[in-house]
Protein backbone atom coordinates (compact mmCIF):
# COMPACT_ATOMS: atom_id res chain seq x y z
CA MET A 1 -42.54 -30.69 -48.32
CA ALA A 2 -42.06 -27.33 -48.09
CA GLU A 3 -43.87 -26.55 -51.37
CA SER A 4 -46.94 -28.58 -50.28
CA GLY A 5 -46.61 -26.40 -46.39
CA VAL A 6 -46.31 -23.13 -48.40
CA THR A 7 -49.53 -24.10 -50.54
CA ASP A 8 -50.83 -25.19 -48.24
CA GLY A 9 -50.70 -22.09 -46.45
CA LEU A 10 -51.64 -20.17 -49.15
CA GLY A 11 -54.70 -22.09 -49.46
CA ASN A 12 -55.71 -21.38 -46.31
CA THR A 13 -55.09 -17.62 -46.08
CA GLU A 14 -57.46 -17.40 -49.79
CA ASP A 15 -60.04 -19.18 -47.73
CA ILE A 16 -59.39 -16.41 -44.55
CA GLU A 17 -59.60 -13.61 -47.17
CA ARG A 18 -62.40 -15.36 -49.05
CA SER A 19 -64.39 -15.22 -45.58
CA LYS A 20 -63.50 -11.52 -44.85
CA THR A 21 -64.76 -10.68 -47.90
CA GLU A 22 -67.98 -11.73 -47.68
CA GLY A 23 -68.22 -10.09 -44.74
CA LYS A 24 -67.41 -13.10 -41.76
CA GLN A 25 -65.85 -12.36 -38.58
CA LEU A 26 -62.81 -14.30 -38.15
CA THR A 27 -61.80 -15.97 -34.88
CA LYS A 28 -58.67 -15.21 -32.95
CA GLU A 29 -57.17 -18.65 -34.06
CA GLU A 30 -57.63 -17.63 -37.86
CA LYS A 31 -56.02 -14.00 -37.38
CA GLN A 32 -53.12 -15.35 -35.89
CA ARG A 33 -52.74 -17.89 -38.68
CA LEU A 34 -52.94 -15.63 -41.16
CA ARG A 35 -50.10 -13.12 -39.18
CA LYS A 36 -47.80 -16.37 -39.10
CA GLU A 37 -48.70 -16.87 -42.83
CA LYS A 38 -47.81 -13.39 -43.67
CA LYS A 39 -44.35 -13.60 -41.60
CA GLN A 40 -43.37 -16.64 -42.94
CA GLN A 41 -43.58 -15.12 -46.86
CA LYS A 42 -41.58 -12.27 -45.43
CA LYS A 43 -38.84 -14.30 -44.73
CA ASN A 44 -39.14 -16.78 -47.60
CA LYS A 45 -38.69 -13.67 -49.60
CA GLU A 46 -35.93 -12.14 -47.88
CA LYS A 47 -34.00 -15.90 -47.90
CA SER A 48 -34.48 -15.83 -51.93
CA ASP A 49 -33.32 -12.18 -52.58
CA GLU A 50 -30.29 -13.03 -50.12
CA ASN A 51 -29.60 -16.45 -52.26
CA ALA A 52 -29.20 -14.59 -55.29
CA SER A 53 -27.04 -11.81 -54.24
CA HIS A 54 -25.03 -13.98 -52.57
CA GLU A 55 -24.51 -16.14 -55.93
CA GLY A 56 -23.83 -12.94 -57.28
CA GLU A 57 -21.78 -12.15 -55.87
CA LYS A 58 -19.23 -15.71 -56.05
CA LYS A 59 -19.73 -15.36 -59.53
CA LYS A 60 -17.59 -11.81 -59.79
CA LYS A 61 -15.65 -13.38 -57.60
CA LYS A 62 -14.44 -15.90 -59.46
CA LYS A 63 -13.82 -14.01 -62.22
CA LYS A 64 -11.38 -11.83 -60.91
CA GLU A 65 -9.71 -14.95 -59.26
CA GLU A 66 -9.64 -16.54 -62.57
CA LYS A 67 -8.04 -13.48 -64.47
CA PRO A 68 -4.71 -13.09 -62.20
CA VAL A 69 -4.21 -16.63 -62.35
CA GLY A 70 -4.45 -16.87 -65.58
CA SER A 71 -2.04 -14.45 -66.30
CA ALA A 72 0.46 -15.90 -63.47
CA SER A 73 0.70 -18.76 -65.62
CA GLN A 74 1.80 -17.47 -68.42
CA PRO A 75 5.73 -18.19 -68.60
CA PRO A 76 8.24 -14.84 -67.79
CA ALA A 77 10.73 -13.38 -70.46
CA GLN A 78 13.37 -14.08 -67.67
CA PRO A 79 12.35 -17.27 -65.49
CA SER A 80 14.18 -17.27 -62.19
CA PRO A 81 15.33 -20.69 -60.46
CA LYS A 82 13.21 -20.11 -57.84
CA ALA A 83 10.44 -19.48 -59.96
CA VAL A 84 7.32 -22.15 -59.36
CA PRO A 85 4.55 -22.64 -61.92
CA ALA A 86 1.45 -21.55 -60.60
CA PRO A 87 -1.11 -24.02 -60.30
CA PRO A 88 -4.20 -24.36 -62.98
CA ALA A 89 -7.39 -22.08 -61.92
CA ALA A 90 -9.11 -25.24 -61.08
CA ALA A 91 -7.06 -26.00 -58.45
CA VAL A 92 -8.06 -23.38 -55.88
CA PRO A 93 -10.46 -24.39 -53.40
CA VAL A 94 -13.64 -23.48 -53.96
CA PRO A 95 -16.05 -24.29 -50.67
CA ALA A 96 -19.00 -26.58 -51.34
CA SER A 97 -21.55 -23.61 -50.11
CA GLU A 98 -20.53 -21.90 -53.05
CA ALA A 99 -22.34 -24.07 -55.54
CA PRO A 100 -25.60 -23.47 -56.40
CA ALA A 101 -28.01 -24.65 -54.24
CA PRO A 102 -31.14 -26.65 -55.91
CA ALA A 103 -34.35 -24.78 -55.54
CA ASP A 104 -35.82 -27.78 -53.19
CA LYS A 105 -33.13 -27.57 -50.41
CA PRO A 106 -34.22 -24.83 -47.37
CA ALA A 107 -32.72 -21.70 -47.07
CA LYS A 108 -29.77 -21.29 -44.64
CA SER A 109 -29.52 -20.10 -41.49
CA LYS A 110 -27.05 -17.20 -40.45
CA ALA A 111 -24.30 -19.35 -38.85
CA ASP A 112 -24.00 -21.15 -42.27
CA LEU A 113 -23.86 -17.56 -43.97
CA LYS A 114 -21.15 -16.48 -42.05
CA ALA A 115 -19.43 -19.62 -42.35
CA GLU A 116 -19.39 -19.72 -45.89
CA ARG A 117 -17.85 -16.29 -45.83
CA ARG A 118 -15.13 -17.01 -43.46
CA ALA A 119 -14.11 -20.18 -46.11
CA ARG A 120 -14.30 -17.68 -49.48
CA GLN A 121 -11.89 -15.04 -47.26
CA GLU A 122 -9.50 -17.76 -46.88
CA ALA A 123 -9.41 -18.84 -50.14
CA GLU A 124 -8.98 -15.66 -51.08
CA ARG A 125 -6.02 -15.21 -48.71
CA ALA A 126 -4.40 -18.52 -49.89
CA SER A 127 -4.99 -17.80 -53.68
CA LYS A 128 -2.86 -14.52 -53.06
CA GLY A 129 0.09 -15.85 -51.08
CA LYS A 130 0.50 -18.04 -54.19
CA LYS A 131 0.88 -15.19 -56.06
CA GLY A 132 3.43 -13.36 -54.64
CA ASP A 133 5.24 -16.90 -54.55
CA VAL A 134 4.93 -16.72 -58.53
CA GLY A 135 5.08 -13.13 -59.43
CA GLN A 136 7.47 -10.88 -57.47
CA PRO A 137 8.16 -11.07 -53.39
CA ALA A 138 5.95 -9.66 -50.92
CA PRO A 139 6.91 -6.14 -49.59
CA THR A 140 8.45 -6.63 -46.88
CA GLY A 141 7.47 -3.21 -45.15
CA LYS A 142 3.69 -4.42 -44.64
CA LEU A 143 4.84 -7.55 -42.84
CA LYS A 144 3.68 -7.94 -39.61
CA ALA A 145 5.93 -8.85 -36.56
CA PRO A 146 5.53 -11.58 -34.46
CA PRO A 147 3.42 -10.90 -31.65
CA SER A 148 6.63 -11.73 -29.44
CA GLU A 149 8.02 -9.18 -30.80
CA LEU A 150 5.55 -6.49 -29.90
CA GLN A 151 5.31 -7.13 -26.42
CA PRO A 152 7.91 -5.38 -24.48
CA VAL A 153 10.48 -7.60 -22.89
CA VAL A 154 10.75 -7.40 -18.76
CA LYS A 155 13.96 -6.72 -17.72
CA ARG A 156 14.39 -8.50 -14.02
CA LEU A 157 16.91 -8.27 -11.73
CA PRO A 158 19.02 -10.72 -10.37
CA GLU A 159 17.66 -11.77 -6.51
CA HIS A 160 20.60 -11.01 -4.87
CA VAL A 161 20.33 -7.49 -6.28
CA GLN A 162 18.27 -4.72 -3.67
CA VAL A 163 15.34 -2.88 -5.57
CA ASP A 164 17.56 0.39 -4.87
CA ASP A 165 21.32 -1.16 -5.71
CA GLY A 166 22.38 1.11 -8.49
CA ILE A 167 19.28 2.42 -9.62
CA LYS A 168 19.73 6.12 -10.02
CA THR A 169 16.79 8.19 -10.21
CA PRO A 170 16.03 10.49 -13.22
CA GLY A 171 16.17 13.54 -13.24
CA CYS A 172 18.57 13.90 -9.97
CA ASN A 173 21.94 14.85 -9.80
CA ALA A 174 24.71 12.60 -9.01
CA ALA A 175 25.27 13.21 -5.15
CA GLU A 176 21.32 12.84 -4.48
CA ASN A 177 21.75 9.49 -5.50
CA VAL A 178 24.40 8.39 -3.43
CA LYS A 179 23.14 5.48 -1.91
CA ILE A 180 22.86 5.23 2.07
CA PRO A 181 24.35 1.90 3.50
CA LEU A 182 22.75 -0.44 5.50
CA ARG A 183 24.31 -0.87 9.36
CA SER A 184 25.34 -4.08 10.52
CA ASP A 185 24.01 -5.77 12.96
CA TYR A 186 25.89 -5.87 15.62
CA GLY A 187 26.87 -9.19 18.10
CA TYR A 188 24.94 -12.62 18.21
CA LYS A 189 20.67 -12.13 18.32
CA VAL A 190 18.05 -14.58 20.12
CA SER A 191 16.99 -16.39 17.45
CA LEU A 192 13.12 -15.59 18.58
CA PHE A 193 13.88 -12.05 17.69
CA SER A 194 16.35 -12.66 14.68
CA HIS A 195 14.42 -11.01 11.81
CA LEU A 196 15.07 -7.39 14.05
CA HIS A 197 18.33 -4.99 13.39
CA GLN A 198 20.53 -4.29 16.32
CA TYR A 199 22.77 -1.98 16.18
CA SER A 200 26.07 -0.94 18.81
CA ARG A 201 26.25 2.83 19.70
CA LYS A 202 30.08 2.31 19.31
CA ALA A 203 29.65 2.64 14.81
CA PRO A 204 26.89 5.22 13.91
CA LEU A 205 26.46 5.10 10.57
CA THR A 206 28.09 8.37 10.00
CA GLN A 207 31.43 6.40 10.45
CA GLN A 208 30.45 4.29 7.32
CA LEU A 209 29.06 7.16 4.92
CA GLY A 210 30.78 10.53 4.48
CA ILE A 211 27.45 12.23 3.94
CA PRO A 212 27.86 15.69 1.94
CA SER A 213 25.18 18.23 2.95
CA THR A 214 23.60 17.88 -0.88
CA VAL A 215 22.37 14.57 0.17
CA ILE A 216 21.26 15.07 3.91
CA HIS A 217 20.43 18.35 5.24
CA PRO A 218 22.91 18.63 8.60
CA ALA A 219 20.03 19.11 10.92
CA ILE A 220 18.54 15.61 9.87
CA VAL A 221 22.11 14.10 10.46
CA ARG A 222 22.64 15.92 14.08
CA LEU A 223 19.25 14.46 15.26
CA GLY A 224 20.12 11.11 13.96
CA LEU A 225 23.16 10.73 15.89
CA GLN A 226 21.18 12.03 18.91
CA TYR A 227 18.62 9.02 18.16
CA SER A 228 20.93 6.60 17.62
CA HIS A 229 22.99 7.47 21.13
CA GLY A 230 20.10 8.38 22.97
CA ILE A 231 20.39 11.67 23.51
CA VAL A 232 16.97 12.19 22.29
CA ALA A 233 14.67 9.65 23.90
CA GLY A 234 10.02 8.94 24.07
CA SER A 235 7.69 9.18 21.73
CA ASN A 236 6.81 12.88 22.55
CA ALA A 237 10.46 14.23 22.35
CA ARG A 238 11.45 12.39 19.01
CA SER A 239 8.36 13.68 17.16
CA VAL A 240 9.16 17.10 18.27
CA ALA A 241 12.64 16.97 17.45
CA LEU A 242 12.06 15.37 13.79
CA LEU A 243 9.37 17.95 13.01
CA HIS A 244 11.52 20.81 14.17
CA ALA A 245 14.38 19.17 11.98
CA PHE A 246 11.94 19.02 8.95
CA LYS A 247 11.40 22.80 9.65
CA GLN A 248 14.97 23.80 9.46
CA VAL A 249 14.79 21.45 6.12
CA ILE A 250 11.97 23.37 4.38
CA ARG A 251 13.69 26.48 5.42
CA ASP A 252 16.26 25.78 3.78
CA TYR A 253 14.85 24.42 0.38
CA THR A 254 15.22 25.95 -2.51
CA THR A 255 13.05 24.32 -5.81
CA PRO A 256 15.56 23.22 -8.63
CA PRO A 257 14.57 24.07 -12.38
CA ASN A 258 12.08 22.58 -14.46
CA GLU A 259 10.92 20.80 -10.71
CA GLU A 260 7.59 20.97 -9.17
CA LEU A 261 7.93 21.87 -4.81
CA SER A 262 5.92 19.33 -3.83
CA ARG A 263 7.35 16.28 -5.51
CA ASP A 264 10.71 17.11 -5.11
CA LEU A 265 10.37 17.86 -1.87
CA VAL A 266 8.56 14.63 -0.81
CA LYS A 267 11.54 13.02 -2.07
CA LYS A 268 14.03 14.78 -0.26
CA LEU A 269 12.14 13.86 2.45
CA GLU A 270 11.86 9.80 1.66
CA SER A 271 15.80 9.80 1.60
CA TYR A 272 16.33 11.85 5.21
CA ILE A 273 13.40 9.42 6.60
CA ASN A 274 15.94 6.11 5.16
CA PHE A 275 18.45 7.99 7.31
CA LEU A 276 16.69 8.53 10.59
CA HIS A 277 15.20 5.18 10.01
CA GLN A 278 19.03 3.43 9.75
CA CYS A 279 19.75 5.16 13.09
CA ARG A 280 17.12 3.89 15.13
CA PRO A 281 13.74 2.44 13.29
CA VAL A 282 10.55 4.95 13.60
CA SER A 283 8.34 5.39 16.20
CA ALA A 284 4.75 5.03 15.38
CA SER A 285 4.14 8.92 16.26
CA MET A 286 6.87 9.75 14.20
CA GLY A 287 5.36 7.80 11.36
CA ASN A 288 2.27 9.54 12.01
CA ALA A 289 4.19 13.14 11.46
CA ILE A 290 5.36 12.38 8.93
CA LYS A 291 2.29 11.22 7.25
CA TYR A 292 1.00 14.86 7.81
CA ILE A 293 3.62 16.45 6.80
CA LYS A 294 3.23 14.28 3.20
CA LYS A 295 -0.25 15.11 2.54
CA GLU A 296 0.19 18.85 3.34
CA ILE A 297 3.26 18.89 1.04
CA SER A 298 0.70 17.11 -1.60
CA ASN A 299 -2.17 19.60 -0.97
CA ILE A 300 0.26 22.54 -2.02
CA PRO A 301 -1.09 23.83 -5.62
CA SER A 302 1.63 24.15 -8.13
CA GLN A 303 0.99 27.28 -9.31
CA CYS A 304 1.76 28.44 -5.19
CA LYS A 305 5.19 30.55 -4.96
CA GLU A 306 7.87 28.87 -3.31
CA GLU A 307 7.84 31.32 -0.14
CA GLU A 308 4.36 31.40 0.21
CA ALA A 309 4.42 27.15 -0.44
CA LYS A 310 7.17 26.75 2.62
CA LEU A 311 5.53 29.40 4.97
CA LYS A 312 2.40 27.74 4.48
CA LEU A 313 4.12 23.87 5.51
CA LEU A 314 5.99 26.07 7.94
CA SER A 315 2.37 27.37 10.11
CA CYS A 316 1.32 23.63 9.73
CA ILE A 317 4.19 21.85 11.69
CA GLU A 318 3.79 24.71 14.19
CA ARG A 319 0.14 23.92 14.32
CA TYR A 320 0.74 20.33 14.60
CA ILE A 321 2.91 20.27 17.77
CA ASN A 322 0.26 22.61 19.07
CA GLU A 323 -2.69 20.73 18.85
CA ASN A 324 -1.43 16.93 18.86
CA ILE A 325 1.33 17.63 22.03
CA ILE A 326 1.07 20.32 23.70
CA LEU A 327 -2.32 21.07 23.85
CA ALA A 328 -2.86 17.23 23.90
CA ALA A 329 -1.56 17.01 27.15
CA LYS A 330 -3.45 19.71 28.81
CA ALA A 331 -6.92 18.40 28.00
CA ILE A 332 -5.55 14.77 29.00
CA ALA A 333 -4.05 16.58 32.40
CA LYS A 334 -7.47 18.25 32.75
CA TYR A 335 -9.07 14.58 32.37
CA SER A 336 -6.70 12.52 34.71
CA ILE A 337 -6.77 15.11 37.99
CA GLU A 338 -10.41 13.93 38.56
CA LYS A 339 -9.55 10.61 38.84
CA ILE A 340 -6.62 11.99 41.71
CA SER A 341 -8.25 12.43 45.16
CA ASP A 342 -6.14 13.46 48.27
CA GLY A 343 -4.22 10.38 49.96
CA ASP A 344 -3.77 8.83 46.73
CA VAL A 345 -0.79 6.35 46.40
CA ILE A 346 -0.13 6.26 42.67
CA LEU A 347 2.25 3.87 40.61
CA VAL A 348 4.71 5.10 37.72
CA TYR A 349 6.67 3.54 35.67
CA GLY A 350 10.01 4.83 33.74
CA CYS A 351 9.41 8.20 32.63
CA SER A 352 6.75 9.46 30.88
CA SER A 353 7.11 13.55 29.78
CA LEU A 354 3.18 13.12 29.63
CA VAL A 355 2.58 11.42 33.48
CA ASN A 356 4.96 13.57 34.82
CA HIS A 357 2.99 16.76 33.31
CA ILE A 358 0.06 14.85 35.10
CA LEU A 359 1.60 15.22 38.26
CA CYS A 360 3.02 18.04 38.73
CA GLU A 361 -0.86 19.74 37.39
CA ALA A 362 -2.39 17.61 39.91
CA PHE A 363 -0.05 19.13 42.87
CA GLU A 364 -0.30 22.32 41.26
CA LYS A 365 -4.23 22.13 41.81
CA ASN A 366 -3.08 21.33 45.75
CA ARG A 367 -3.92 17.31 45.42
CA LYS A 368 -2.06 15.47 48.10
CA PHE A 369 -0.57 12.40 47.23
CA ARG A 370 2.50 10.20 47.39
CA VAL A 371 4.18 8.60 44.11
CA ILE A 372 6.45 5.32 43.57
CA VAL A 373 8.47 5.82 41.00
CA VAL A 374 9.02 1.79 39.60
CA ASP A 375 12.30 2.00 37.12
CA SER A 376 14.57 -1.06 35.40
CA ARG A 377 17.37 -2.26 34.13
CA PRO A 378 19.49 -1.32 32.00
CA ARG A 379 18.16 2.54 30.99
CA LEU A 380 17.13 3.52 34.37
CA GLU A 381 14.63 6.36 32.81
CA GLY A 382 12.83 6.49 36.35
CA ARG A 383 15.68 8.51 38.11
CA GLU A 384 14.99 11.32 35.34
CA ALA A 385 11.30 10.95 36.32
CA LEU A 386 12.15 11.13 40.09
CA ARG A 387 14.47 13.97 39.49
CA ARG A 388 11.72 16.42 37.99
CA LEU A 389 8.99 14.93 40.40
CA VAL A 390 11.02 15.55 43.54
CA GLN A 391 12.24 19.17 42.35
CA LYS A 392 8.41 20.25 42.45
CA GLY A 393 8.21 18.61 45.65
CA ILE A 394 6.09 15.82 44.98
CA SER A 395 6.67 13.36 47.76
CA CYS A 396 8.07 9.74 46.25
CA THR A 397 9.89 6.50 46.75
CA TYR A 398 11.90 4.61 44.27
CA VAL A 399 12.10 1.00 43.31
CA LEU A 400 12.87 -1.16 41.23
CA ILE A 401 10.40 -3.37 38.75
CA SER A 402 11.72 -6.78 40.59
CA ALA A 403 9.80 -5.27 43.88
CA VAL A 404 6.72 -3.97 42.61
CA SER A 405 4.79 -7.03 43.77
CA TYR A 406 5.54 -5.91 46.87
CA ILE A 407 4.70 -2.18 47.00
CA LEU A 408 1.74 -2.56 45.04
CA PRO A 409 -0.62 -3.99 48.19
CA GLU A 410 -0.09 -0.47 49.40
CA VAL A 411 -0.95 1.63 45.94
CA SER A 412 -4.40 3.08 44.41
CA LYS A 413 -3.91 3.54 41.32
CA VAL A 414 -1.40 3.14 38.16
CA PHE A 415 -0.42 5.58 35.83
CA LEU A 416 1.29 4.29 32.71
CA GLY A 417 2.82 5.90 29.65
CA ALA A 418 2.52 4.70 26.30
CA HIS A 419 4.39 4.43 23.41
CA ALA A 420 1.80 3.56 21.13
CA LEU A 421 -1.97 2.34 20.93
CA LEU A 422 -2.42 -0.51 18.45
CA ALA A 423 -6.18 -0.74 16.30
CA ASN A 424 -7.01 -4.07 18.66
CA GLY A 425 -6.47 -2.33 21.27
CA TYR A 426 -3.31 -3.16 22.28
CA VAL A 427 -1.01 -0.33 24.35
CA MET A 428 2.70 -0.38 23.39
CA SER A 429 5.17 1.04 26.05
CA ARG A 430 8.68 0.44 27.01
CA VAL A 431 9.76 -3.37 28.27
CA GLY A 432 8.10 -4.34 31.68
CA THR A 433 4.95 -2.28 31.47
CA SER A 434 2.93 -5.57 31.04
CA GLN A 435 4.68 -6.93 34.14
CA ILE A 436 3.55 -3.94 36.42
CA ALA A 437 0.07 -4.37 34.58
CA LEU A 438 -0.32 -7.89 34.78
CA VAL A 439 0.70 -7.69 38.86
CA ALA A 440 -1.85 -5.04 39.51
CA LYS A 441 -4.76 -6.92 37.87
CA ALA A 442 -3.72 -9.70 40.09
CA PHE A 443 -4.36 -6.63 43.19
CA ASN A 444 -7.16 -5.20 42.16
CA VAL A 445 -5.30 -1.70 41.44
CA PRO A 446 -6.45 0.16 38.62
CA VAL A 447 -4.18 0.63 35.46
CA LEU A 448 -4.50 3.96 33.68
CA VAL A 449 -3.29 4.84 30.46
CA CYS A 450 -2.22 7.95 29.42
CA CYS A 451 -2.11 8.90 25.29
CA GLU A 452 -2.29 11.11 22.95
CA THR A 453 -4.38 10.30 20.01
CA TYR A 454 -1.62 11.17 17.76
CA LYS A 455 0.06 7.80 19.03
CA PHE A 456 -3.12 5.49 18.09
CA CYS A 457 -1.94 2.97 15.29
CA GLU A 458 -4.11 1.40 12.57
CA ARG A 459 -1.07 -1.54 12.66
CA VAL A 460 -2.42 -5.07 15.07
CA GLN A 461 0.06 -7.13 17.08
CA THR A 462 -0.84 -9.28 20.32
CA ASP A 463 3.19 -9.96 20.85
CA SER A 464 6.19 -8.41 21.29
CA PHE A 465 8.08 -10.55 19.09
CA VAL A 466 6.99 -9.44 15.26
CA SER A 467 7.56 -6.28 15.47
CA ASN A 468 9.68 -4.26 18.48
CA GLU A 469 12.78 -2.98 18.68
CA LEU A 470 16.53 -3.91 19.89
CA ASP A 471 18.95 -1.62 21.64
CA ASP A 472 22.27 -1.68 21.87
CA PRO A 473 22.81 -5.69 23.63
CA ASP A 474 26.48 -3.68 25.31
CA ASP A 475 24.17 -1.39 28.04
CA LEU A 476 23.12 -4.83 29.82
CA ILE A 477 27.16 -4.97 31.05
CA VAL A 478 27.76 -3.46 34.24
CA THR A 479 31.11 -2.93 35.93
CA ARG A 480 31.17 -3.60 39.41
CA LYS A 481 34.32 -3.40 41.81
CA GLY A 482 36.32 -3.09 38.72
CA GLN A 483 35.45 -6.30 37.08
CA THR A 484 32.91 -6.82 34.04
CA GLN A 485 31.89 -10.30 33.49
CA LEU A 486 30.03 -9.93 30.34
CA GLU A 487 33.06 -7.53 28.83
CA HIS A 488 34.42 -9.95 26.06
CA TRP A 489 30.43 -11.98 25.58
CA GLN A 490 31.46 -11.64 22.11
CA GLU A 491 33.63 -14.17 22.12
CA VAL A 492 31.35 -16.85 23.42
CA PRO A 493 29.26 -18.14 20.09
CA SER A 494 26.74 -19.38 22.22
CA LEU A 495 25.58 -16.27 24.43
CA GLY A 496 23.13 -14.09 23.20
CA LEU A 497 22.60 -10.48 25.16
CA LEU A 498 18.95 -9.24 24.21
CA ASN A 499 18.07 -5.95 24.92
CA LEU A 500 14.44 -5.04 24.35
CA VAL A 501 13.17 -2.07 24.08
CA TYR A 502 9.50 -2.43 23.86
CA ASP A 503 6.70 -4.90 25.06
CA VAL A 504 2.86 -5.03 23.95
CA THR A 505 0.29 -5.43 26.88
CA PRO A 506 -3.38 -6.91 26.39
CA PRO A 507 -6.35 -4.68 26.93
CA ASP A 508 -7.57 -7.03 29.64
CA PHE A 509 -5.41 -5.58 32.07
CA VAL A 510 -5.93 -1.74 31.21
CA ASP A 511 -8.88 -0.03 32.49
CA LEU A 512 -8.67 3.25 31.45
CA VAL A 513 -7.34 5.37 28.03
CA ILE A 514 -7.20 8.56 29.15
CA THR A 515 -6.76 10.75 25.56
CA ASP A 516 -7.50 14.32 24.50
CA LEU A 517 -10.57 13.46 23.49
CA GLY A 518 -11.91 11.95 26.83
CA MET A 519 -11.71 8.66 28.70
CA ILE A 520 -12.01 5.93 26.54
CA PRO A 521 -11.64 2.15 26.87
CA CYS A 522 -9.26 0.11 24.79
CA THR A 523 -11.86 -0.96 22.16
CA SER A 524 -13.01 2.23 21.00
CA VAL A 525 -9.12 2.71 19.28
CA PRO A 526 -10.55 1.69 15.63
CA VAL A 527 -13.50 4.10 16.60
CA VAL A 528 -10.96 7.08 16.99
CA LEU A 529 -8.83 6.37 13.73
CA ARG A 530 -12.07 6.16 11.97
CA VAL A 531 -13.24 9.43 12.94
CA LYS A 532 -9.38 11.02 12.71
CA ASN A 533 -9.32 9.39 9.43
CA MET A 534 -12.69 11.22 8.45
CA ASP A 535 -11.76 14.56 9.29
CA GLN A 536 -8.50 14.46 7.39
């Protein structure tokens, strides 16, 4: 059939060529048929050439395979007991594709040719393996290891071993690898807050570990004790104290030999931050300050001299304190004074350094107003705010949070401080703030939150359970008339004292947030975070 098709095609081409020579014009169909037939002739020629070349290669390979097999079949001079007679040449499997194809068969496709090549290669490998068994053993140097041996073995630590237990950083001294122990929890915890740590001020971290100055800088140790004992409290005060301690660390720092300042200094600061976190959890404002310092350290070029780099870092820290805390407080005070009118009764809660600064600035601008200071146990921070305001000559009233609903009808505005402003618009502040905002909303009293933008946090939180801080439960124990009712509360297994530090206020209870960038609603916090990230 193939031959008849070819002859028919040849006849057609002859007719077409004869018509061309006679000067007749060809139709489109005849031209297309002529092109197809020429292409078919070229393909047939190429296939015949490939078949001829493959048959020549097969014959050459057969001759090469027959020679070593024949030599291996001869018996050796000293036969070994393990020698096995080689199989005859006829036993070598020859694929059916190697047999000469008859002339009437159609040409093979590329897939068939590839299959034939693979079969030939497998046959050659099998014959080589048999030669190695018959003759000398194959050299062990060229043997490939199994894939299981090539893959690296992953060593896994037991589940009870923590990540940093017993692991030493390469290239560090033995003193630097001293692991800072975890503080043990104190007392029974309420089940809702069992995931949070609860420490006692009577057992500071320094009593559990003798810390040499080579591991933790003395300024960091002193700051950690001030945090744990409550001597340094408040978001701004803690952040400023942290930055000043880091300035002292940078002044005393010397780069070890064969080390880079940017990497070694960050590594030292990590251990210091871990120590401070064990003394008291790091606040959102402190976390932002730490990120800024690490970014500035990483931006120092490697070719920069040590003294020059230290001076640059010290100036960056000083600029951060000046711009984000001092100048920000002045800007917020300028915006807040516009909201204070003569004859206002302003309610404040606790002791916020920013709110106190705003009220003092407004009083110096001859604004006439009265302040109601609301306080709560156990810290009674409002007493310090009351002392500062009265010292300035501002008329004040002092009440506890249990009486806030009775005092709110005469209040015109509520000014509150903030520990952090979360990305979803919620305000995180000292416990009791949400209660005051809720009651103020019920009495239609505007609630104004004063907060610097460096306290804005990308964390999202809608309750006070997931992320919070537990203070020393012994602060709730009160002695009256020589009697302490909860003196031995730890001996009662069913009794737990809960001393929460922060709570979260929904944005529905906040009318306005006054920042150093201006007065914004709570919903604009993500925009401010995005702009600050772009500036950095």
